[in-house]
Amino acid sequence: MNKQQNEQLLLRGQVQAFQTKFAGLQTESEGLLSSRSRLLIELEEANARAQQLEADLRDAETLRRKLHNQVQELKGNIRVFCRVRPPLGELFAVLMAMSLNDGYSCRKRYRRRPSHN
């Protein structure tokens, strides 16, 4: 009987060790499930934030394109407004010297455009 009692005690010790290990694994499993749930929520929030940032980026890019086109149009308008055309006919102006007396007038000298025969 002594041998059977020893085996019974050994088996009870093993059962108790397995139960303790099982309880520890169960607690760990619950912790992992909790972490998984938290991580899934964080992932959903990150995805929502990414979508919002992409929408903001699209809006900003649209505004940038609109402003760029407006700047290009204004540059063209300035170029047209400031365009200097030579006089009609055979005469054209060549600026020879500026009169610094009044600061506003300039003397222009006209000469005939060379003919290309």
C-alpha atoms as a PDB file:
ATOM      1  CA  MET A   1       0.000   0.000   0.000  1.00  0.00           C
ATOM      2  CA  ASN A   2       2.820   2.300   0.571  1.00  0.00           C
ATOM      3  CA  LYS A   3       3.664   2.204  -3.097  1.00  0.00           C
ATOM      4  CA  GLN A   4       0.069   3.001  -4.084  1.00  0.00           C
ATOM      5  CA  GLN A   5      -0.078   5.874  -1.617  1.00  0.00           C
ATOM      6  CA  ASN A   6       3.130   7.288  -3.027  1.00  0.00           C
ATOM      7  CA  GLU A   7       1.748   7.048  -6.561  1.00  0.00           C
ATOM      8  CA  GLN A   8      -1.534   8.591  -5.439  1.00  0.00           C
ATOM      9  CA  LEU A   9       0.309  11.498  -3.775  1.00  0.00           C
ATOM     10  CA  LEU A  10       2.457  11.904  -6.855  1.00  0.00           C
ATOM     11  CA  LEU A  11      -0.597  11.952  -9.108  1.00  0.00           C
ATOM     12  CA  ARG A  12      -2.413  14.425  -6.842  1.00  0.00           C
ATOM     13  CA  GLY A  13       0.660  16.673  -6.938  1.00  0.00           C
ATOM     14  CA  GLN A  14       0.731  16.462 -10.715  1.00  0.00           C
ATOM     15  CA  VAL A  15      -3.006  17.223 -10.947  1.00  0.00           C
ATOM     16  CA  GLN A  16      -2.572  20.205  -8.660  1.00  0.00           C
ATOM     17  CA  ALA A  17       0.417  21.415 -10.720  1.00  0.00           C
ATOM     18  CA  PHE A  18      -1.593  21.057 -13.944  1.00  0.00           C
ATOM     19  CA  GLN A  19      -4.530  22.922 -12.397  1.00  0.00           C
ATOM     20  CA  THR A  20      -2.216  25.736 -11.293  1.00  0.00           C
ATOM     21  CA  LYS A  21      -0.626  25.842 -14.736  1.00  0.00           C
ATOM     22  CA  PHE A  22      -4.088  25.786 -16.349  1.00  0.00           C
ATOM     23  CA  ALA A  23      -5.260  28.689 -14.176  1.00  0.00           C
ATOM     24  CA  GLY A  24      -2.133  30.679 -15.122  1.00  0.00           C
ATOM     25  CA  LEU A  25      -2.641  29.961 -18.824  1.00  0.00           C
ATOM     26  CA  GLN A  26      -6.310  30.896 -18.548  1.00  0.00           C
ATOM     27  CA  THR A  27      -5.388  34.223 -16.915  1.00  0.00           C
ATOM     28  CA  GLU A  28      -2.776  34.838 -19.603  1.00  0.00           C
ATOM     29  CA  SER A  29      -5.326  33.992 -22.300  1.00  0.00           C
ATOM     30  CA  GLU A  30      -7.819  36.480 -20.851  1.00  0.00           C
ATOM     31  CA  GLY A  31      -5.097  39.136 -20.768  1.00  0.00           C
ATOM     32  CA  LEU A  32      -4.203  38.433 -24.386  1.00  0.00           C
ATOM     33  CA  LEU A  33      -7.868  38.655 -25.431  1.00  0.00           C
ATOM     34  CA  SER A  34      -8.160  41.969 -23.623  1.00  0.00           C
ATOM     35  CA  SER A  35      -5.012  43.245 -25.355  1.00  0.00           C
ATOM     36  CA  ARG A  36      -6.350  42.024 -28.697  1.00  0.00           C
ATOM     37  CA  SER A  37      -9.616  43.887 -28.182  1.00  0.00           C
ATOM     38  CA  ARG A  38      -7.742  47.066 -27.217  1.00  0.00           C
ATOM     39  CA  LEU A  39      -5.447  46.745 -30.241  1.00  0.00           C
ATOM     40  CA  LEU A  40      -8.409  46.234 -32.584  1.00  0.00           C
ATOM     41  CA  ILE A  41     -10.018  49.420 -31.246  1.00  0.00           C
ATOM     42  CA  GLU A  42      -6.737  51.314 -31.716  1.00  0.00           C
ATOM     43  CA  LEU A  43      -6.461  49.923 -35.253  1.00  0.00           C
ATOM     44  CA  GLU A  44      -9.968  51.122 -36.114  1.00  0.00           C
ATOM     45  CA  GLU A  45      -9.152  54.569 -34.701  1.00  0.00           C
ATOM     46  CA  ALA A  46      -5.902  54.685 -36.693  1.00  0.00           C
ATOM     47  CA  ASN A  47      -7.724  53.681 -39.887  1.00  0.00           C
ATOM     48  CA  ALA A  48     -10.351  56.381 -39.290  1.00  0.00           C
ATOM     49  CA  ARG A  49      -7.597  58.948 -38.687  1.00  0.00           C
ATOM     50  CA  ALA A  50      -5.788  57.840 -41.869  1.00  0.00           C
ATOM     51  CA  GLN A  51      -8.982  58.247 -43.894  1.00  0.00           C
ATOM     52  CA  GLN A  52      -9.516  61.708 -42.410  1.00  0.00           C
ATOM     53  CA  LEU A  53      -5.932  62.697 -43.230  1.00  0.00           C
ATOM     54  CA  GLU A  54      -6.332  61.429 -46.798  1.00  0.00           C
ATOM     55  CA  ALA A  55      -9.507  63.502 -47.189  1.00  0.00           C
ATOM     56  CA  ASP A  56      -7.693  66.550 -45.782  1.00  0.00           C
ATOM     57  CA  LEU A  57      -4.810  65.903 -48.194  1.00  0.00           C
ATOM     58  CA  ARG A  58      -7.205  65.737 -51.161  1.00  0.00           C
ATOM     59  CA  ASP A  59      -8.814  69.019 -50.079  1.00  0.00           C
ATOM     60  CA  ALA A  60      -5.424  70.695 -49.618  1.00  0.00           C
ATOM     61  CA  GLU A  61      -4.212  69.419 -52.998  1.00  0.00           C
ATOM     62  CA  THR A  62      -7.360  70.743 -54.686  1.00  0.00           C
ATOM     63  CA  LEU A  63      -6.848  74.133 -53.068  1.00  0.00           C
ATOM     64  CA  ARG A  64      -3.152  74.130 -54.036  1.00  0.00           C
ATOM     65  CA  ARG A  65      -4.017  73.381 -57.672  1.00  0.00           C
ATOM     66  CA  LYS A  66      -6.687  76.102 -57.687  1.00  0.00           C
ATOM     67  CA  LEU A  67      -4.262  78.670 -56.243  1.00  0.00           C
ATOM     68  CA  HIS A  68      -1.483  77.577 -58.613  1.00  0.00           C
ATOM     69  CA  ASN A  69      -3.792  78.030 -61.596  1.00  0.00           C
ATOM     70  CA  GLN A  70      -4.838  81.429 -60.275  1.00  0.00           C
ATOM     71  CA  VAL A  71      -1.187  82.502 -59.923  1.00  0.00           C
ATOM     72  CA  GLN A  72      -0.441  81.306 -63.459  1.00  0.00           C
ATOM     73  CA  GLU A  73      -3.441  83.234 -64.777  1.00  0.00           C
ATOM     74  CA  LEU A  74      -2.353  86.386 -62.944  1.00  0.00           C
ATOM     75  CA  LYS A  75       1.190  86.032 -64.289  1.00  0.00           C
ATOM     76  CA  GLY A  76      -0.258  85.799 -67.782  1.00  0.00           C
ATOM     77  CA  ASN A  77      -2.433  88.852 -67.180  1.00  0.00           C
ATOM     78  CA  ILE A  78       0.584  90.815 -65.931  1.00  0.00           C
ATOM     79  CA  ARG A  79       2.597  89.698 -68.953  1.00  0.00           C
ATOM     80  CA  VAL A  80      -0.182  90.843 -71.303  1.00  0.00           C
ATOM     81  CA  PHE A  81      -0.638  94.110 -69.433  1.00  0.00           C
ATOM     82  CA  CYS A  82       3.072  94.914 -69.489  1.00  0.00           C
ATOM     83  CA  ARG A  83       3.760  93.770 -73.031  1.00  0.00           C
ATOM     84  CA  VAL A  84       5.611  96.377 -75.099  1.00  0.00           C
ATOM     85  CA  ARG A  85       4.859  96.321 -78.775  1.00  0.00           C
ATOM     86  CA  PRO A  86       6.911  98.085 -81.397  1.00  0.00           C
ATOM     87  CA  PRO A  87       5.195 100.951 -83.216  1.00  0.00           C
ATOM     88  CA  LEU A  88       3.293 100.076 -86.348  1.00  0.00           C
ATOM     89  CA  GLY A  89       4.808 100.873 -89.670  1.00  0.00           C
ATOM     90  CA  GLU A  90       8.471 101.124 -90.549  1.00  0.00           C
ATOM     91  CA  LEU A  91       9.529 103.078 -87.490  1.00  0.00           C
ATOM     92  CA  PHE A  92      10.479 101.525 -84.175  1.00  0.00           C
ATOM     93  CA  ALA A  93      11.701 103.084 -80.977  1.00  0.00           C
ATOM     94  CA  VAL A  94      15.155 102.623 -79.559  1.00  0.00           C
ATOM     95  CA  LEU A  95      15.734 104.043 -76.134  1.00  0.00           C
ATOM     96  CA  MET A  96      18.976 105.979 -76.337  1.00  0.00           C
ATOM     97  CA  ALA A  97      19.225 107.941 -73.144  1.00  0.00           C
ATOM     98  CA  MET A  98      17.146 108.917 -70.181  1.00  0.00           C
ATOM     99  CA  SER A  99      16.788 112.459 -69.121  1.00  0.00           C
ATOM    100  CA  LEU A 100      17.494 112.635 -65.425  1.00  0.00           C
ATOM    101  CA  ASN A 101      16.434 116.275 -65.204  1.00  0.00           C
ATOM    102  CA  ASP A 102      12.866 115.649 -64.176  1.00  0.00           C
ATOM    103  CA  GLY A 103      13.221 111.952 -63.433  1.00  0.00           C
ATOM    104  CA  TYR A 104      10.210 111.091 -65.536  1.00  0.00           C
ATOM    105  CA  SER A 105      10.860 111.871 -69.177  1.00  0.00           C
ATOM    106  CA  CYS A 106      13.107 110.026 -71.534  1.00  0.00           C
ATOM    107  CA  ARG A 107      14.341 110.897 -74.959  1.00  0.00           C
ATOM    108  CA  LYS A 108      13.605 108.473 -77.698  1.00  0.00           C
ATOM    109  CA  ARG A 109      15.269 108.284 -80.996  1.00  0.00           C
ATOM    110  CA  TYR A 110      13.563 106.723 -83.945  1.00  0.00           C
ATOM    111  CA  ARG A 111      15.278 105.172 -86.850  1.00  0.00           C
ATOM    112  CA  ARG A 112      14.108 103.286 -89.819  1.00  0.00           C
ATOM    113  CA  ARG A 113      13.975  99.546 -89.537  1.00  0.00           C
ATOM    114  CA  PRO A 114      16.542  98.035 -91.850  1.00  0.00           C
ATOM    115  CA  SER A 115      14.967  96.581 -94.930  1.00  0.00           C
ATOM    116  CA  HIS A 116      15.628  92.937 -95.610  1.00  0.00           C
ATOM    117  CA  ASN A 117      15.713  92.504 -99.382  1.00  0.00           C
END
